[in-house]
């Protein structure tokens, strides 16, 4: 699949599905910025303008809420042209990004994420001896900051969050945190809707996977795939009962 083409010049942006698509007009996520840093120095750091802006805004909001805390560590997005990226069955159309969970020491001191470590149902993870930082130590999922990130992503204007893939026990900890904080029930419902453990891949106990839905402009230009939750912007509907309007659309 290659776009745009002389036969389809309007097909651009995030095209196709996350598991079978391409990307045009890519935007690079910088190596670091306010509240975030990329873990890899590779060529899988591109996304749609909307995805990159959403990540940057959400990371900055968390940093502002928790000044002095270590940054959000970000994994892969997509390649500049989309398509297959090594190690991923999706990440092909510029709407996906891997975000590592925030971490603390066992007694609650924030630390920079040691990498892709697997958190258990108790929120604890053992850092492998091969890790670059905190090797051999135990870290705890920073539920508070991770919830702030989920909240910021969902509430970013125009983000259109479709999924945040996370292991079921981690989802439970985050929703429990939201309710304990007295968050708005509608926000909690949105979080419960998008936070899901995937059924066709790893449980995502070592990172969360953000996916944005197609917005109206994307859909017109070739984006497709995934549910349209009630809280996402609705696509315009053609009134098929208006015969004159329909006839005008069908005119050569």
C-alpha atoms as a PDB file:
ATOM      1  CA  UNK A   1       0.000   0.000   0.000  1.00  0.00           C
ATOM      2  CA  UNK A   2       1.484   3.322  -1.077  1.00  0.00           C
ATOM      3  CA  UNK A   3      -0.217   6.707  -0.972  1.00  0.00           C
ATOM      4  CA  UNK A   4      -0.994   9.262  -2.223  1.00  0.00           C
ATOM      5  CA  UNK A   5      -1.149   8.261  -5.880  1.00  0.00           C
ATOM      6  CA  UNK A   6      -2.405   9.851  -9.102  1.00  0.00           C
ATOM      7  CA  UNK A   7      -5.568   7.785  -8.700  1.00  0.00           C
ATOM      8  CA  UNK A   8      -6.119   8.841  -5.102  1.00  0.00           C
ATOM      9  CA  UNK A   9      -4.408  12.201  -4.499  1.00  0.00           C
ATOM     10  CA  UNK A  10      -6.609  13.000  -1.502  1.00  0.00           C
ATOM     11  CA  UNK A  11      -5.612   9.885   0.427  1.00  0.00           C
ATOM     12  CA  UNK A  12      -3.085  11.086   2.990  1.00  0.00           C
ATOM     13  CA  UNK A  13      -2.226  11.291   6.663  1.00  0.00           C
ATOM     14  CA  UNK A  14      -2.953   8.189   8.726  1.00  0.00           C
ATOM     15  CA  UNK A  15      -4.123   5.750   6.055  1.00  0.00           C
ATOM     16  CA  UNK A  16      -5.679   2.352   6.590  1.00  0.00           C
ATOM     17  CA  UNK A  17      -5.723   0.387   9.832  1.00  0.00           C
ATOM     18  CA  UNK A  18      -3.098   0.289  12.585  1.00  0.00           C
ATOM     19  CA  UNK A  19      -2.262  -3.289  11.554  1.00  0.00           C
ATOM     20  CA  UNK A  20      -2.307  -2.623   7.796  1.00  0.00           C
ATOM     21  CA  UNK A  21      -1.659   0.950   6.858  1.00  0.00           C
ATOM     22  CA  UNK A  22       0.815   3.663   5.977  1.00  0.00           C
ATOM     23  CA  UNK A  23       1.600   7.194   7.080  1.00  0.00           C
ATOM     24  CA  UNK A  24       2.062  10.365   5.073  1.00  0.00           C
ATOM     25  CA  UNK A  25       2.832  13.855   6.403  1.00  0.00           C
ATOM     26  CA  UNK A  26       4.683  12.333   9.396  1.00  0.00           C
ATOM     27  CA  UNK A  27       5.690  14.331  12.444  1.00  0.00           C
ATOM     28  CA  UNK A  28       8.728  13.319  14.481  1.00  0.00           C
ATOM     29  CA  UNK A  29       8.499  13.101  18.253  1.00  0.00           C
ATOM     30  CA  UNK A  30      11.666  14.791  19.579  1.00  0.00           C
ATOM     31  CA  UNK A  31      14.196  12.747  21.542  1.00  0.00           C
ATOM     32  CA  UNK A  32      13.146  14.643  24.647  1.00  0.00           C
ATOM     33  CA  UNK A  33      10.871  17.492  25.658  1.00  0.00           C
ATOM     34  CA  UNK A  34       8.961  18.894  28.642  1.00  0.00           C
ATOM     35  CA  UNK A  35       8.052  15.865  30.757  1.00  0.00           C
ATOM     36  CA  UNK A  36       9.171  13.101  28.361  1.00  0.00           C
ATOM     37  CA  UNK A  37      12.124  11.276  26.836  1.00  0.00           C
ATOM     38  CA  UNK A  38      12.315   8.596  24.132  1.00  0.00           C
ATOM     39  CA  UNK A  39      13.916   5.320  25.214  1.00  0.00           C
ATOM     40  CA  UNK A  40      15.073   4.293  21.732  1.00  0.00           C
ATOM     41  CA  UNK A  41      17.267   6.072  19.248  1.00  0.00           C
ATOM     42  CA  UNK A  42      15.744   4.431  16.168  1.00  0.00           C
ATOM     43  CA  UNK A  43      13.583   5.332  13.176  1.00  0.00           C
ATOM     44  CA  UNK A  44      10.246   4.422  14.814  1.00  0.00           C
ATOM     45  CA  UNK A  45       9.447   7.817  16.302  1.00  0.00           C
ATOM     46  CA  UNK A  46       6.966   9.300  13.821  1.00  0.00           C
ATOM     47  CA  UNK A  47       3.235   9.752  14.067  1.00  0.00           C
ATOM     48  CA  UNK A  48       0.373  11.862  12.894  1.00  0.00           C
ATOM     49  CA  UNK A  49       0.518  15.484  14.018  1.00  0.00           C
ATOM     50  CA  UNK A  50      -2.393  14.762  16.351  1.00  0.00           C
ATOM     51  CA  UNK A  51      -0.658  11.809  18.019  1.00  0.00           C
ATOM     52  CA  UNK A  52       2.603  13.666  18.608  1.00  0.00           C
ATOM     53  CA  UNK A  53       0.801  16.739  19.949  1.00  0.00           C
ATOM     54  CA  UNK A  54      -1.321  14.598  22.273  1.00  0.00           C
ATOM     55  CA  UNK A  55       1.719  12.872  23.782  1.00  0.00           C
ATOM     56  CA  UNK A  56       3.605  16.141  24.232  1.00  0.00           C
ATOM     57  CA  UNK A  57       0.682  17.898  25.870  1.00  0.00           C
ATOM     58  CA  UNK A  58      -0.173  15.018  28.217  1.00  0.00           C
ATOM     59  CA  UNK A  59       3.458  14.540  29.310  1.00  0.00           C
ATOM     60  CA  UNK A  60       3.810  18.257  29.997  1.00  0.00           C
ATOM     61  CA  UNK A  61       0.602  18.287  32.063  1.00  0.00           C
ATOM     62  CA  UNK A  62       1.803  15.425  34.256  1.00  0.00           C
ATOM     63  CA  UNK A  63       5.161  17.163  34.738  1.00  0.00           C
ATOM     64  CA  UNK A  64       3.363  20.338  35.743  1.00  0.00           C
ATOM     65  CA  UNK A  65       1.200  18.428  38.246  1.00  0.00           C
ATOM     66  CA  UNK A  66       4.216  16.622  39.711  1.00  0.00           C
ATOM     67  CA  UNK A  67       7.154  19.035  39.322  1.00  0.00           C
ATOM     68  CA  UNK A  68      10.579  17.505  39.757  1.00  0.00           C
ATOM     69  CA  UNK A  69       9.404  13.974  38.992  1.00  0.00           C
ATOM     70  CA  UNK A  70      11.223  11.855  36.368  1.00  0.00           C
ATOM     71  CA  UNK A  71       9.923  12.150  32.797  1.00  0.00           C
ATOM     72  CA  UNK A  72       7.539   9.900  30.920  1.00  0.00           C
ATOM     73  CA  UNK A  73       9.588   7.354  28.954  1.00  0.00           C
ATOM     74  CA  UNK A  74       8.244   6.720  25.459  1.00  0.00           C
ATOM     75  CA  UNK A  75       8.826   3.676  23.277  1.00  0.00           C
ATOM     76  CA  UNK A  76       8.013   3.213  19.606  1.00  0.00           C
ATOM     77  CA  UNK A  77       5.517   5.139  17.478  1.00  0.00           C
ATOM     78  CA  UNK A  78       5.635   4.466  13.695  1.00  0.00           C
ATOM     79  CA  UNK A  79       8.170   4.760  10.898  1.00  0.00           C
ATOM     80  CA  UNK A  80       8.164   7.913   8.791  1.00  0.00           C
ATOM     81  CA  UNK A  81       6.207   6.181   6.038  1.00  0.00           C
ATOM     82  CA  UNK A  82       4.308   3.827   8.331  1.00  0.00           C
ATOM     83  CA  UNK A  83       4.121   0.187   7.373  1.00  0.00           C
ATOM     84  CA  UNK A  84       5.679  -2.702   9.213  1.00  0.00           C
ATOM     85  CA  UNK A  85       7.851  -1.869  12.215  1.00  0.00           C
ATOM     86  CA  UNK A  86      10.023  -4.584  13.709  1.00  0.00           C
ATOM     87  CA  UNK A  87       8.508  -6.148  16.826  1.00  0.00           C
ATOM     88  CA  UNK A  88       5.012  -4.765  16.237  1.00  0.00           C
ATOM     89  CA  UNK A  89       1.890  -6.093  14.574  1.00  0.00           C
ATOM     90  CA  UNK A  90       0.367  -2.592  14.608  1.00  0.00           C
ATOM     91  CA  UNK A  91       2.094   0.847  14.770  1.00  0.00           C
ATOM     92  CA  UNK A  92       1.720   1.050  10.973  1.00  0.00           C
ATOM     93  CA  UNK A  93      -0.415   4.148  10.430  1.00  0.00           C
ATOM     94  CA  UNK A  94       0.862   6.795  12.841  1.00  0.00           C
ATOM     95  CA  UNK A  95      -1.836   6.453  15.491  1.00  0.00           C
ATOM     96  CA  UNK A  96      -0.035   4.181  17.997  1.00  0.00           C
ATOM     97  CA  UNK A  97       2.561   4.843  20.676  1.00  0.00           C
ATOM     98  CA  UNK A  98       4.096   2.819  23.505  1.00  0.00           C
ATOM     99  CA  UNK A  99       4.269   4.676  26.813  1.00  0.00           C
ATOM    100  CA  UNK A 100       6.170   3.138  29.708  1.00  0.00           C
ATOM    101  CA  UNK A 101       4.548   3.136  33.113  1.00  0.00           C
ATOM    102  CA  UNK A 102       5.752   5.630  35.702  1.00  0.00           C
ATOM    103  CA  UNK A 103       7.703   4.004  38.541  1.00  0.00           C
ATOM    104  CA  UNK A 104       8.662   4.560  42.170  1.00  0.00           C
ATOM    105  CA  UNK A 105      10.854   2.783  44.676  1.00  0.00           C
ATOM    106  CA  UNK A 106       8.961   0.310  46.898  1.00  0.00           C
ATOM    107  CA  UNK A 107       8.558   3.070  49.502  1.00  0.00           C
ATOM    108  CA  UNK A 108       7.117   5.551  46.994  1.00  0.00           C
ATOM    109  CA  UNK A 109      10.028   7.728  45.797  1.00  0.00           C
ATOM    110  CA  UNK A 110       9.585   8.547  42.066  1.00  0.00           C
ATOM    111  CA  UNK A 111      12.304   7.123  39.818  1.00  0.00           C
ATOM    112  CA  UNK A 112      12.789   7.147  36.056  1.00  0.00           C
ATOM    113  CA  UNK A 113      11.358   4.051  34.428  1.00  0.00           C
ATOM    114  CA  UNK A 114      13.997   1.288  34.282  1.00  0.00           C
ATOM    115  CA  UNK A 115      12.527   0.127  30.968  1.00  0.00           C
ATOM    116  CA  UNK A 116      10.056  -2.533  29.949  1.00  0.00           C
ATOM    117  CA  UNK A 117       9.678  -4.286  33.312  1.00  0.00           C
ATOM    118  CA  UNK A 118       6.671  -6.487  34.055  1.00  0.00           C
ATOM    119  CA  UNK A 119       4.441  -5.306  36.884  1.00  0.00           C
ATOM    120  CA  UNK A 120       2.496  -7.913  38.828  1.00  0.00           C
ATOM    121  CA  UNK A 121      -1.042  -7.599  40.219  1.00  0.00           C
ATOM    122  CA  UNK A 122       0.486  -6.062  43.361  1.00  0.00           C
ATOM    123  CA  UNK A 123       2.059  -3.287  41.281  1.00  0.00           C
ATOM    124  CA  UNK A 124       5.626  -4.483  41.890  1.00  0.00           C
ATOM    125  CA  UNK A 125       8.239  -5.393  39.284  1.00  0.00           C
ATOM    126  CA  UNK A 126      11.725  -6.874  39.476  1.00  0.00           C
ATOM    127  CA  UNK A 127      14.237  -5.038  37.303  1.00  0.00           C
ATOM    128  CA  UNK A 128      16.386  -7.467  35.276  1.00  0.00           C
ATOM    129  CA  UNK A 129      20.126  -7.596  35.975  1.00  0.00           C
ATOM    130  CA  UNK A 130      20.695  -6.546  32.372  1.00  0.00           C
ATOM    131  CA  UNK A 131      18.842  -3.244  32.768  1.00  0.00           C
ATOM    132  CA  UNK A 132      20.730   0.027  32.326  1.00  0.00           C
ATOM    133  CA  UNK A 133      19.305   1.521  35.514  1.00  0.00           C
ATOM    134  CA  UNK A 134      18.078   0.077  38.823  1.00  0.00           C
ATOM    135  CA  UNK A 135      19.334  -3.372  37.770  1.00  0.00           C
ATOM    136  CA  UNK A 136      18.307  -6.039  40.250  1.00  0.00           C
ATOM    137  CA  UNK A 137      16.060  -3.676  42.217  1.00  0.00           C
ATOM    138  CA  UNK A 138      12.328  -3.812  42.857  1.00  0.00           C
ATOM    139  CA  UNK A 139      10.173  -0.939  41.591  1.00  0.00           C
ATOM    140  CA  UNK A 140       6.542  -0.110  42.157  1.00  0.00           C
ATOM    141  CA  UNK A 141       4.029   1.114  39.612  1.00  0.00           C
ATOM    142  CA  UNK A 142       3.458   4.825  40.226  1.00  0.00           C
ATOM    143  CA  UNK A 143      -0.311   4.546  40.115  1.00  0.00           C
ATOM    144  CA  UNK A 144      -0.865   8.218  40.884  1.00  0.00           C
ATOM    145  CA  UNK A 145       1.238   9.626  38.057  1.00  0.00           C
ATOM    146  CA  UNK A 146       0.120   6.925  35.628  1.00  0.00           C
ATOM    147  CA  UNK A 147      -3.499   7.832  36.313  1.00  0.00           C
ATOM    148  CA  UNK A 148      -2.682  11.514  35.738  1.00  0.00           C
ATOM    149  CA  UNK A 149      -1.241  10.506  32.356  1.00  0.00           C
ATOM    150  CA  UNK A 150      -4.346   8.524  31.385  1.00  0.00           C
ATOM    151  CA  UNK A 151      -6.526  11.443  32.470  1.00  0.00           C
ATOM    152  CA  UNK A 152      -4.444  13.955  30.496  1.00  0.00           C
ATOM    153  CA  UNK A 153      -4.551  11.799  27.363  1.00  0.00           C
ATOM    154  CA  UNK A 154      -8.319  11.361  27.513  1.00  0.00           C
ATOM    155  CA  UNK A 155      -8.943  15.044  28.199  1.00  0.00           C
ATOM    156  CA  UNK A 156      -6.573  16.441  25.563  1.00  0.00           C
ATOM    157  CA  UNK A 157      -8.787  18.445  23.183  1.00  0.00           C
ATOM    158  CA  UNK A 158      -9.096  16.738  19.818  1.00  0.00           C
ATOM    159  CA  UNK A 159      -7.049  13.684  20.855  1.00  0.00           C
ATOM    160  CA  UNK A 160      -9.834  11.151  20.216  1.00  0.00           C
ATOM    161  CA  UNK A 161      -8.331   8.353  22.349  1.00  0.00           C
ATOM    162  CA  UNK A 162      -9.680   5.012  21.142  1.00  0.00           C
ATOM    163  CA  UNK A 163      -7.658   2.582  23.252  1.00  0.00           C
ATOM    164  CA  UNK A 164      -5.106   2.530  26.033  1.00  0.00           C
ATOM    165  CA  UNK A 165      -4.043  -1.091  26.148  1.00  0.00           C
ATOM    166  CA  UNK A 166      -2.946  -2.150  29.637  1.00  0.00           C
ATOM    167  CA  UNK A 167      -2.917  -5.363  31.656  1.00  0.00           C
ATOM    168  CA  UNK A 168      -6.148  -5.965  33.525  1.00  0.00           C
ATOM    169  CA  UNK A 169      -4.656  -5.741  37.055  1.00  0.00           C
ATOM    170  CA  UNK A 170      -3.046  -2.408  36.136  1.00  0.00           C
ATOM    171  CA  UNK A 171      -6.339  -1.151  34.734  1.00  0.00           C
ATOM    172  CA  UNK A 172      -7.929  -2.077  38.069  1.00  0.00           C
ATOM    173  CA  UNK A 173      -5.309  -0.139  40.042  1.00  0.00           C
ATOM    174  CA  UNK A 174      -5.765   2.932  37.844  1.00  0.00           C
ATOM    175  CA  UNK A 175      -9.552   2.932  38.072  1.00  0.00           C
ATOM    176  CA  UNK A 176      -9.345   2.425  41.835  1.00  0.00           C
ATOM    177  CA  UNK A 177      -7.026   5.436  42.009  1.00  0.00           C
ATOM    178  CA  UNK A 178      -9.429   7.539  39.936  1.00  0.00           C
ATOM    179  CA  UNK A 179     -12.356   6.714  42.186  1.00  0.00           C
ATOM    180  CA  UNK A 180     -10.309   7.333  45.336  1.00  0.00           C
ATOM    181  CA  UNK A 181      -9.432  10.779  43.974  1.00  0.00           C
ATOM    182  CA  UNK A 182     -13.111  11.541  43.428  1.00  0.00           C
ATOM    183  CA  UNK A 183     -12.758  11.967  39.673  1.00  0.00           C
ATOM    184  CA  UNK A 184     -15.833  12.815  37.630  1.00  0.00           C
ATOM    185  CA  UNK A 185     -17.850   9.612  36.979  1.00  0.00           C
ATOM    186  CA  UNK A 186     -18.040  10.393  33.259  1.00  0.00           C
ATOM    187  CA  UNK A 187     -14.241  10.594  33.082  1.00  0.00           C
ATOM    188  CA  UNK A 188     -13.924   7.301  34.973  1.00  0.00           C
ATOM    189  CA  UNK A 189     -16.370   5.695  32.519  1.00  0.00           C
ATOM    190  CA  UNK A 190     -14.295   6.949  29.594  1.00  0.00           C
ATOM    191  CA  UNK A 191     -11.151   5.528  31.207  1.00  0.00           C
ATOM    192  CA  UNK A 192     -12.848   2.173  31.866  1.00  0.00           C
ATOM    193  CA  UNK A 193     -13.918   2.085  28.216  1.00  0.00           C
ATOM    194  CA  UNK A 194     -10.524   2.741  26.636  1.00  0.00           C
ATOM    195  CA  UNK A 195      -8.368   0.909  29.190  1.00  0.00           C
ATOM    196  CA  UNK A 196      -8.427  -2.694  28.032  1.00  0.00           C
ATOM    197  CA  UNK A 197      -6.130  -5.687  28.071  1.00  0.00           C
ATOM    198  CA  UNK A 198      -5.723  -6.814  24.462  1.00  0.00           C
ATOM    199  CA  UNK A 199      -6.786 -10.338  23.540  1.00  0.00           C
ATOM    200  CA  UNK A 200      -4.502 -10.796  20.535  1.00  0.00           C
ATOM    201  CA  UNK A 201      -1.111  -9.779  21.946  1.00  0.00           C
ATOM    202  CA  UNK A 202       0.900  -9.561  25.172  1.00  0.00           C
ATOM    203  CA  UNK A 203      -0.952  -8.445  28.308  1.00  0.00           C
ATOM    204  CA  UNK A 204       0.817  -5.050  28.360  1.00  0.00           C
ATOM    205  CA  UNK A 205       2.038  -5.318  31.930  1.00  0.00           C
ATOM    206  CA  UNK A 206       5.318  -3.583  30.986  1.00  0.00           C
ATOM    207  CA  UNK A 207       3.914  -0.559  29.127  1.00  0.00           C
ATOM    208  CA  UNK A 208       0.663   0.984  27.955  1.00  0.00           C
ATOM    209  CA  UNK A 209      -0.193   1.250  24.275  1.00  0.00           C
ATOM    210  CA  UNK A 210      -1.960   4.423  23.213  1.00  0.00           C
ATOM    211  CA  UNK A 211      -4.075   4.390  20.057  1.00  0.00           C
ATOM    212  CA  UNK A 212      -5.999   7.331  18.660  1.00  0.00           C
ATOM    213  CA  UNK A 213      -9.210   6.926  16.682  1.00  0.00           C
ATOM    214  CA  UNK A 214      -9.669   8.375  13.221  1.00  0.00           C
ATOM    215  CA  UNK A 215     -11.192  11.827  13.309  1.00  0.00           C
ATOM    216  CA  UNK A 216     -13.449  13.118  10.530  1.00  0.00           C
ATOM    217  CA  UNK A 217     -10.610  14.533   8.416  1.00  0.00           C
ATOM    218  CA  UNK A 218      -8.616  11.314   8.796  1.00  0.00           C
ATOM    219  CA  UNK A 219     -11.561   9.150   7.793  1.00  0.00           C
ATOM    220  CA  UNK A 220     -12.194  11.178   4.638  1.00  0.00           C
ATOM    221  CA  UNK A 221      -8.511  10.837   3.723  1.00  0.00           C
ATOM    222  CA  UNK A 222      -8.322   7.047   4.186  1.00  0.00           C
ATOM    223  CA  UNK A 223      -8.089   6.283   7.917  1.00  0.00           C
ATOM    224  CA  UNK A 224     -10.127   3.355   9.218  1.00  0.00           C
ATOM    225  CA  UNK A 225     -10.488   0.856  12.019  1.00  0.00           C
ATOM    226  CA  UNK A 226     -11.792   0.463  15.553  1.00  0.00           C
ATOM    227  CA  UNK A 227     -14.914   1.371  17.510  1.00  0.00           C
ATOM    228  CA  UNK A 228     -16.562   4.793  17.584  1.00  0.00           C
ATOM    229  CA  UNK A 229     -17.157   5.345  21.292  1.00  0.00           C
ATOM    230  CA  UNK A 230     -20.031   7.679  22.246  1.00  0.00           C
ATOM    231  CA  UNK A 231     -17.565  10.242  23.592  1.00  0.00           C
ATOM    232  CA  UNK A 232     -15.648  10.492  20.294  1.00  0.00           C
ATOM    233  CA  UNK A 233     -16.592  13.135  17.751  1.00  0.00           C
ATOM    234  CA  UNK A 234     -19.360  11.705  15.558  1.00  0.00           C
ATOM    235  CA  UNK A 235     -18.847  11.362  11.844  1.00  0.00           C
ATOM    236  CA  UNK A 236     -21.257  13.438   9.734  1.00  0.00           C
ATOM    237  CA  UNK A 237     -24.234  11.478   8.445  1.00  0.00           C
ATOM    238  CA  UNK A 238     -25.752  11.742   4.994  1.00  0.00           C
ATOM    239  CA  UNK A 239     -29.522  12.094   5.093  1.00  0.00           C
ATOM    240  CA  UNK A 240     -30.466   9.462   2.559  1.00  0.00           C
ATOM    241  CA  UNK A 241     -34.074  10.636   2.621  1.00  0.00           C
ATOM    242  CA  UNK A 242     -33.102  13.849   0.852  1.00  0.00           C
ATOM    243  CA  UNK A 243     -33.303  12.625  -2.752  1.00  0.00           C
ATOM    244  CA  UNK A 244     -32.203  15.933  -4.242  1.00  0.00           C
ATOM    245  CA  UNK A 245     -29.022  16.062  -2.133  1.00  0.00           C
ATOM    246  CA  UNK A 246     -28.233  12.441  -2.952  1.00  0.00           C
ATOM    247  CA  UNK A 247     -28.808  13.018  -6.678  1.00  0.00           C
ATOM    248  CA  UNK A 248     -26.488  16.033  -6.612  1.00  0.00           C
ATOM    249  CA  UNK A 249     -23.744  13.949  -4.999  1.00  0.00           C
ATOM    250  CA  UNK A 250     -24.096  11.283  -7.681  1.00  0.00           C
ATOM    251  CA  UNK A 251     -23.863  13.720 -10.607  1.00  0.00           C
ATOM    252  CA  UNK A 252     -20.792  13.210 -12.824  1.00  0.00           C
END
